[in-house]
Protein backbone atom coordinates (compact mmCIF):
# COMPACT_ATOMS: atom_id res chain seq x y z
CA MET A 1 -33.65 64.61 -45.21
CA ASP A 2 -37.08 63.82 -43.85
CA GLY A 3 -36.97 60.53 -45.70
CA MET A 4 -33.86 59.37 -43.87
CA LYS A 5 -34.12 56.76 -41.16
CA ASN A 6 -33.64 58.12 -37.66
CA ASP A 7 -31.02 55.53 -36.78
CA SER A 8 -28.69 56.82 -39.52
CA ILE A 9 -28.37 60.33 -38.09
CA CYS A 10 -25.80 61.26 -35.46
CA HIS A 11 -27.55 62.96 -32.54
CA ILE A 12 -24.36 64.83 -31.65
CA CYS A 13 -23.21 66.45 -34.89
CA GLY A 14 -26.01 65.60 -37.36
CA SER A 15 -23.86 63.49 -39.68
CA LEU A 16 -25.29 60.52 -41.56
CA GLY A 17 -24.34 56.87 -41.19
CA ALA A 18 -24.55 56.81 -37.39
CA GLN A 19 -24.78 53.71 -35.23
CA ILE A 20 -25.28 52.94 -31.55
CA HIS A 21 -22.09 53.61 -29.58
CA TYR A 22 -22.21 53.49 -25.78
CA ARG A 23 -26.00 53.87 -25.73
CA ALA A 24 -25.94 56.92 -27.99
CA MET A 25 -26.51 57.34 -31.70
CA ALA A 26 -23.08 58.52 -32.88
CA CYS A 27 -21.32 58.73 -36.23
CA GLY A 28 -18.12 57.01 -37.22
CA THR A 29 -16.87 60.06 -39.16
CA SER A 30 -18.02 63.55 -38.30
CA LEU A 31 -18.78 65.91 -41.18
CA PHE A 32 -17.97 68.81 -38.90
CA MET A 33 -14.72 67.48 -37.51
CA GLY A 34 -13.24 65.74 -40.56
CA PHE A 35 -10.83 63.13 -39.27
CA ARG A 36 -12.48 62.95 -35.85
CA SER A 37 -15.67 61.15 -34.98
CA CYS A 38 -18.27 61.25 -32.24
CA LYS A 39 -17.70 57.53 -31.69
CA VAL A 40 -14.06 58.15 -30.77
CA PHE A 41 -15.21 60.81 -28.31
CA PHE A 42 -17.43 58.34 -26.47
CA VAL A 43 -14.75 55.64 -26.49
CA ARG A 44 -12.11 57.98 -25.11
CA THR A 45 -14.31 59.53 -22.44
CA ILE A 46 -16.19 56.48 -21.17
CA GLN A 47 -13.59 53.73 -21.39
CA ARG A 48 -10.90 55.83 -19.74
CA SER A 49 -13.37 57.32 -17.24
CA VAL A 50 -11.62 60.68 -17.52
CA PRO A 51 -13.02 64.16 -18.18
CA PHE A 52 -12.90 65.38 -21.76
CA VAL A 53 -11.03 68.65 -22.22
CA CYS A 54 -11.47 70.59 -25.43
CA ASP A 55 -8.32 70.62 -27.54
CA ASN A 56 -9.77 72.58 -30.46
CA ASN A 57 -9.53 76.12 -29.10
CA GLY A 58 -12.98 75.95 -27.58
CA ARG A 59 -14.68 75.05 -30.86
CA ASP A 60 -15.06 71.31 -30.52
CA LYS A 61 -18.74 70.56 -31.11
CA LYS A 62 -18.70 67.70 -28.63
CA CYS A 63 -17.53 69.69 -25.61
CA LEU A 64 -19.79 70.04 -22.61
CA GLN A 65 -21.06 73.60 -22.85
CA GLY A 66 -22.16 75.94 -20.14
CA VAL A 67 -25.26 76.69 -22.19
CA SER A 68 -28.31 74.63 -23.00
CA PHE A 69 -28.05 72.49 -26.11
CA LEU A 70 -31.72 73.15 -26.74
CA GLU A 71 -31.06 76.81 -27.45
CA VAL A 72 -27.80 76.71 -29.42
CA SER A 73 -27.64 76.67 -33.21
CA PRO A 74 -24.55 75.33 -35.04
CA SER A 75 -23.31 78.82 -35.91
CA GLU A 76 -23.63 79.98 -32.30
CA TYR A 77 -22.13 76.71 -31.12
CA ASP A 78 -18.80 77.48 -32.82
CA ARG A 79 -18.51 80.83 -31.07
CA LYS A 80 -19.15 79.46 -27.58
CA ARG A 81 -16.11 78.79 -25.51
CA CYS A 82 -16.20 75.39 -23.86
CA LEU A 83 -15.88 74.96 -20.13
CA HIS A 84 -12.78 73.03 -19.29
CA ALA A 85 -13.80 69.83 -17.63
CA GLN A 86 -11.48 69.78 -14.63
CA ASN A 87 -14.32 71.03 -12.44
CA LEU A 88 -16.97 68.81 -14.02
CA LEU A 89 -17.92 65.29 -13.06
CA PHE A 90 -18.00 63.95 -16.59
CA THR A 91 -19.60 60.55 -16.05
CA ALA A 92 -21.14 58.20 -18.59
CA SER A 93 -24.53 59.20 -17.22
CA SER A 94 -23.98 62.89 -17.93
CA ILE A 95 -22.76 62.12 -21.43
CA TYR A 96 -25.76 59.93 -22.08
CA PHE A 97 -28.28 62.62 -21.24
CA LYS A 98 -26.48 65.85 -22.12
CA PHE A 99 -25.82 64.85 -25.71
CA THR A 100 -29.40 63.91 -26.59
CA PHE A 101 -30.25 67.51 -27.38
CA ASN A 102 -33.12 68.36 -29.66
CA TYR A 103 -31.65 70.73 -32.22
CA TYR A 104 -30.74 68.28 -34.97
CA TYR A 105 -33.60 65.97 -34.11
CA ASP A 106 -36.17 68.73 -34.53
CA LYS A 107 -34.49 69.93 -37.71
CA ILE A 108 -34.61 66.44 -39.21
CA ARG A 109 -38.12 65.58 -38.06
CA THR A 110 -40.48 68.52 -38.03
CA GLY A 111 -43.89 68.44 -36.48
CA VAL A 112 -42.88 66.08 -33.71
CA VAL A 113 -44.65 66.42 -30.36
CA GLN A 114 -42.37 67.98 -27.77
CA ARG A 115 -40.91 65.47 -25.34
CA LYS A 116 -40.36 65.95 -21.64
CA GLU A 117 -36.93 67.06 -20.46
CA ASN A 118 -34.50 64.15 -19.96
CA GLU A 119 -36.74 61.82 -21.98
CA LEU A 120 -34.69 59.94 -24.58
CA TYR A 121 -35.53 58.73 -28.03
CA ASP A 122 -36.30 55.04 -28.27
CA ALA A 123 -33.29 54.59 -30.54
CA VAL A 124 -30.86 55.54 -27.80
CA SER A 125 -32.75 54.24 -24.78
CA VAL A 126 -30.94 51.78 -22.59
CA GLY A 127 -31.44 48.41 -24.20
CA ILE A 128 -34.29 49.44 -26.50
CA HIS A 129 -32.25 48.84 -29.65
CA PHE A 130 -31.20 45.50 -28.16
CA VAL A 131 -34.80 44.51 -27.53
CA TYR A 132 -35.62 45.25 -31.16
CA ASP A 133 -32.75 42.97 -32.16
CA LEU A 134 -34.32 40.13 -30.21
CA GLN A 135 -36.16 39.28 -33.40
CA LYS A 136 -32.78 37.80 -34.37
CA THR A 137 -32.78 35.31 -31.50
CA PRO A 138 -30.98 33.58 -29.80
CA ARG A 139 -29.62 36.95 -28.63
CA ALA A 140 -31.54 36.64 -25.35
CA LEU A 141 -29.99 33.23 -24.71
CA ASP A 142 -26.52 34.57 -25.45
CA TYR A 143 -27.10 37.43 -23.03
CA ALA A 144 -28.32 35.01 -20.36
CA ARG A 145 -25.25 32.81 -20.77
CA THR A 146 -23.06 35.85 -20.27
CA LEU A 147 -24.84 36.62 -17.00
CA VAL A 148 -24.39 33.01 -15.89
CA HIS A 149 -20.68 33.27 -16.64
CA ILE A 150 -20.46 36.47 -14.59
CA GLU A 151 -22.25 34.71 -11.73
CA LYS A 152 -19.65 31.93 -11.78
CA LEU A 153 -16.81 34.42 -11.84
CA CYS A 154 -18.30 36.16 -8.80
CA GLU A 155 -18.39 32.86 -6.89
CA ASN A 156 -14.82 32.04 -7.97
CA PRO A 157 -15.13 28.26 -7.42
CA GLY A 158 -11.67 27.54 -8.83
CA ALA A 159 -9.79 29.55 -6.20
CA ARG A 160 -7.88 27.93 -3.36
CA ARG A 161 -8.92 28.15 0.25
CA THR A 162 -6.16 30.21 1.82
CA ASN A 163 -5.84 32.92 4.42
CA PHE A 164 -7.56 36.09 3.24
CA ASP A 165 -8.04 39.71 4.23
CA TYR A 166 -11.38 41.35 4.90
CA SER A 167 -12.63 44.65 6.30
CA VAL A 168 -15.96 46.00 7.46
CA ASP A 169 -14.48 49.48 7.86
CA MET A 170 -15.46 50.84 4.46
CA SER A 171 -18.42 52.52 2.81
CA LEU A 172 -20.69 51.00 0.20
CA ALA A 173 -19.27 53.38 -2.39
CA GLU A 174 -15.76 52.07 -1.70
CA ALA A 175 -16.95 48.45 -1.83
CA LEU A 176 -18.62 49.01 -5.20
CA ARG A 177 -15.50 50.61 -6.65
CA LYS A 178 -13.06 48.03 -5.23
CA PRO A 179 -14.93 44.91 -4.05
CA HIS A 180 -11.75 42.96 -3.28
CA LEU A 181 -10.83 45.44 -0.52
CA CYS A 182 -13.93 44.44 1.43
CA CYS A 183 -13.04 40.75 1.15
CA ALA A 184 -10.76 38.62 -0.97
CA ARG A 185 -12.54 36.64 -3.69
CA THR A 186 -12.40 33.33 -1.89
CA PRO A 187 -14.37 30.36 -3.28
CA ILE A 188 -17.97 30.68 -2.13
CA GLY A 189 -18.28 26.99 -1.25
CA TRP A 190 -22.06 26.62 -1.04
CA ASN A 191 -22.89 23.55 1.08
CA GLN A 192 -19.23 22.56 1.39
CA ASP A 193 -17.22 22.02 4.55
CA GLU A 194 -16.93 25.11 6.67
CA PHE A 195 -13.94 27.27 5.84
CA VAL A 196 -12.96 28.69 9.25
CA GLU A 197 -10.36 31.43 9.55
CA THR A 198 -11.00 32.24 13.20
CA GLU A 199 -12.43 30.62 16.30
CA ASN A 200 -14.29 33.78 17.27
CA LEU A 201 -17.93 33.61 16.17
CA LEU A 202 -18.16 37.38 15.71
CA ASP A 203 -15.14 37.41 13.41
CA THR A 204 -16.61 34.48 11.48
CA LEU A 205 -19.81 36.45 10.93
CA LYS A 206 -17.77 39.43 9.75
CA GLN A 207 -15.97 37.24 7.22
CA ILE A 208 -19.24 35.86 5.87
CA TYR A 209 -20.77 39.33 5.68
CA CYS A 210 -17.75 40.79 3.86
CA ARG A 211 -17.66 37.92 1.37
CA THR A 212 -21.37 38.46 0.71
CA VAL A 213 -20.79 42.17 0.07
CA THR A 214 -18.00 41.36 -2.39
CA LEU A 215 -20.23 38.83 -4.13
CA PHE A 216 -22.96 41.46 -4.55
CA ALA A 217 -20.55 44.21 -5.63
CA ASP A 218 -18.99 41.98 -8.29
CA PHE A 219 -22.44 41.07 -9.57
CA ALA A 220 -23.61 44.69 -9.63
CA SER A 221 -20.50 45.85 -11.48
CA GLY A 222 -21.47 43.51 -14.31
CA CYS A 223 -24.69 45.44 -15.00
CA PRO A 224 -24.04 48.02 -17.75
CA GLU A 225 -27.05 50.12 -16.72
CA LEU A 226 -25.66 50.55 -13.21
CA ALA A 227 -22.49 52.03 -14.69
CA LEU A 228 -24.61 54.70 -16.41
CA LEU A 229 -25.99 55.95 -13.09
CA GLU A 230 -24.51 58.91 -11.28
CA GLU A 231 -22.69 58.03 -8.08
CA GLN A 232 -25.53 59.00 -5.74
CA ASP A 233 -28.15 57.14 -7.78
CA LYS A 234 -25.92 54.07 -7.87
CA LEU A 235 -25.60 54.10 -4.08
CA VAL A 236 -29.35 54.47 -3.63
CA VAL A 237 -30.15 51.57 -5.96
CA CYS A 238 -27.56 49.25 -4.44
CA SER A 239 -28.26 50.08 -0.79
CA LYS A 240 -32.00 49.58 -1.21
CA ASN A 241 -31.70 46.30 -3.10
CA TYR A 242 -28.66 44.68 -1.55
CA CYS A 243 -30.69 42.55 0.86
CA GLY A 244 -33.13 41.39 -1.81
CA CYS A 245 -30.38 40.32 -4.22
CA VAL A 246 -28.37 38.55 -1.52
CA LEU A 247 -31.35 36.68 -0.06
CA PHE A 248 -32.41 35.66 -3.55
CA THR A 249 -28.91 34.27 -4.14
CA LEU A 250 -28.91 32.38 -0.83
CA ALA A 251 -32.35 30.91 -1.51
CA TYR A 252 -31.42 29.83 -5.03
CA ASN A 253 -28.29 28.01 -3.88
CA ALA A 254 -30.25 26.30 -1.13
CA TYR A 255 -32.63 25.11 -3.86
CA LEU A 256 -29.75 23.89 -6.06
CA ASN A 257 -28.30 21.89 -3.17
CA ASP A 258 -31.71 20.63 -2.03
CA TYR A 259 -31.11 22.09 1.40
CA TYR A 260 -33.94 23.18 3.68
CA GLY A 261 -32.35 26.20 5.25
CA ILE A 262 -30.06 29.04 4.20
CA LEU A 263 -26.59 28.47 2.79
CA PHE A 264 -23.98 31.13 3.44
CA PRO A 265 -20.53 31.63 1.90
CA HIS A 266 -17.73 29.36 3.10
CA GLY A 267 -20.19 26.56 3.89
CA PHE A 268 -21.75 28.13 6.98
CA LYS A 269 -25.32 27.50 8.14
CA PHE A 270 -27.09 29.43 10.89
CA ASP A 271 -30.53 27.91 10.62
CA GLU A 272 -31.24 27.82 14.35
CA PHE A 273 -31.11 31.63 14.46
CA LEU A 274 -33.02 32.27 11.24
CA GLN A 275 -36.01 29.94 11.40
CA THR A 276 -38.57 32.61 10.52
CA LEU A 277 -36.50 33.91 7.61
CA PHE A 278 -35.83 30.59 5.93
CA ASP A 279 -39.45 29.50 6.45
CA TYR A 280 -40.48 32.64 4.57
CA LEU A 281 -37.95 32.09 1.78
CA HIS A 282 -38.80 28.43 1.31
CA SER A 283 -42.56 29.07 1.39
CA ASN A 284 -42.56 31.97 -1.06
CA VAL A 285 -39.40 31.68 -3.14
CA VAL A 286 -37.88 28.20 -3.15
CA ARG A 287 -41.33 26.69 -3.67
CA VAL A 288 -41.63 28.63 -6.95
CA PHE A 289 -38.13 27.46 -7.93
CA ARG A 290 -39.22 23.86 -7.51
CA GLU A 291 -42.60 24.21 -9.19
CA THR A 292 -41.20 25.98 -12.24
CA GLY A 293 -37.86 24.19 -12.41
CA ILE A 294 -36.19 27.56 -12.85
CA THR A 295 -33.02 27.51 -14.96
CA THR A 296 -29.80 29.31 -14.12
CA GLU A 297 -30.37 31.68 -17.05
CA GLU A 298 -33.84 32.60 -15.79
CA TYR A 299 -32.45 33.04 -12.28
CA THR A 300 -29.84 35.57 -13.45
CA PHE A 301 -32.45 37.65 -15.28
CA VAL A 302 -34.80 37.69 -12.27
CA LYS A 303 -31.90 38.60 -9.97
CA THR A 304 -30.98 41.52 -12.22
CA LEU A 305 -34.61 42.65 -12.22
CA ILE A 306 -34.56 42.62 -8.41
CA LEU A 307 -31.56 44.96 -8.49
CA PHE A 308 -33.66 47.51 -10.39
CA SER A 309 -37.01 46.85 -8.71
CA GLY A 310 -36.92 46.26 -4.99
CA ALA A 311 -38.15 49.00 -2.67
CA MET A 312 -37.91 51.67 -5.36
CA PHE A 313 -41.45 51.70 -6.69
CA TYR A 314 -44.94 51.56 -5.29
CA GLN A 315 -47.64 51.18 -7.96
CA ASN A 316 -45.05 52.37 -10.53
CA PHE A 317 -44.29 55.56 -8.57
CA PRO A 318 -40.74 56.11 -7.29
CA VAL A 319 -40.46 56.14 -3.50
CA ILE A 320 -36.72 56.80 -3.21
CA PRO A 321 -34.83 59.91 -4.33
CA LEU A 322 -33.44 59.27 -7.81
CA THR A 323 -32.55 61.97 -10.28
CA ASP A 324 -34.61 62.22 -13.45
CA ALA A 325 -31.73 60.72 -15.38
CA GLY A 326 -31.30 57.88 -12.90
CA LEU A 327 -35.00 57.09 -12.80
CA SER A 328 -35.11 56.93 -16.60
CA ILE A 329 -32.19 54.48 -16.68
CA VAL A 330 -33.72 52.27 -13.97
CA LEU A 331 -37.11 52.12 -15.68
CA ARG A 332 -35.55 51.24 -19.01
CA ALA A 333 -33.37 48.59 -17.38
CA ARG A 334 -36.47 46.97 -15.89
CA ARG A 335 -38.16 46.91 -19.27
CA LYS A 336 -35.04 45.58 -20.94
CA TYR A 337 -34.51 42.60 -18.61
CA ALA A 338 -38.21 41.82 -18.46
CA ALA A 339 -38.24 41.65 -22.27
CA LEU A 340 -35.12 39.49 -22.26
CA LEU A 341 -36.64 37.07 -19.75
CA SER A 342 -39.79 36.80 -21.85
CA GLU A 343 -37.75 36.15 -24.99
CA LEU A 344 -35.62 33.59 -23.17
CA ILE A 345 -38.69 31.58 -22.19
CA THR A 346 -40.10 31.53 -25.72
CA THR A 347 -36.68 30.67 -27.16
CA THR A 348 -35.73 27.85 -24.80
CA ARG A 349 -39.23 26.37 -24.38
CA PRO A 350 -40.81 26.30 -27.84
CA GLU A 351 -43.14 23.50 -26.73
CA LEU A 352 -45.08 25.92 -24.49
CA SER A 353 -48.18 27.61 -25.81
CA SER A 354 -48.46 31.38 -25.50
CA VAL A 355 -50.68 30.96 -22.44
CA GLU A 356 -48.28 28.52 -20.77
CA ALA A 357 -45.31 30.78 -21.50
CA MET A 358 -47.17 33.74 -20.02
CA ASN A 359 -48.04 31.72 -16.91
CA ARG A 360 -44.39 30.78 -16.45
CA LEU A 361 -43.31 34.38 -16.88
CA THR A 362 -45.91 35.47 -14.32
CA ARG A 363 -44.67 32.91 -11.80
CA LEU A 364 -41.11 34.14 -12.17
CA PHE A 365 -42.17 37.77 -11.87
CA SER A 366 -44.07 36.88 -8.69
CA LEU A 367 -40.72 36.24 -6.98
CA ILE A 368 -39.70 39.89 -7.14
CA PRO A 369 -42.16 41.38 -4.58
CA HIS A 370 -41.07 38.79 -2.00
CA MET A 371 -37.50 40.10 -2.20
CA MET A 372 -38.37 43.77 -1.70
CA VAL A 373 -37.37 45.46 1.53
CA ARG A 374 -40.44 46.02 3.70
């Protein structure tokens, strides 16, 4: 079995013929379970977002055990009673890390250097298999177009301007779960006529703020890596990088509309109160937009990088409390989108030399530090 390729071995049950399913190497038909498969387990658990309860008299090899996977052999595994999952928070993140145990991996590949706890194989790392597939371009361009489509859906330009509900009386966690409860998905209306629902300036500011929160929450929910994070890690990442992502969005739309100032949702402009801020944005961010002629696809990749970069690292060391699992996901997400941005440049601009392409990539990366919370 040593001659087998690693990507053909299920890391859950050890069966052959495995493929990537929900960021894990899982088989389509389990040798242990017969008609069942590890793939079906991931589909059922993650798509439904419900706990998995063992229905095989405590012998299902895919149950979450109250013992370490690193110490359990297959024969012992059968005799262990599973913990029923009603009292377990069975999230996609826990699945992703708990099921990358070392038993079958070490049995298949002997003499491998021991890895750190919670460190994943490259084959099941977030986006690593996708980055390898970038040799089959234009995958990066397809991915970018999907992000652009998500961006348009978040702005909802085709909606009608009608009376809408909004509320500032909710937590970030609630807004991320149900963005429409913070504010209805009204058309953003960058640089259009002001859409006024109230004559009170304070209420107007509340409406703009709530629509901005909904815009960010819709964008964040489109990031698959964010869905892998545990609830607390997700809140930390979003709360630390909300301002950077929103300001980057406002600056980009000011650039698109050739407007020297800051454009807010519903066509509002408050330049007289924000002179220092928009001077900073136009000097350090919009100027790079103009000099590089940044495309919408490049913008969406940089914006996603900001979500996983701002205020979380100093000289590559984490400065906010993330779990080991969460930190691993964030780091891999940064590498994934950086690789996609690089591939996008080389795919869409074949006329550039390697030096010119690297210079362009460097200019786009230089935008990220300016959006970090200070």
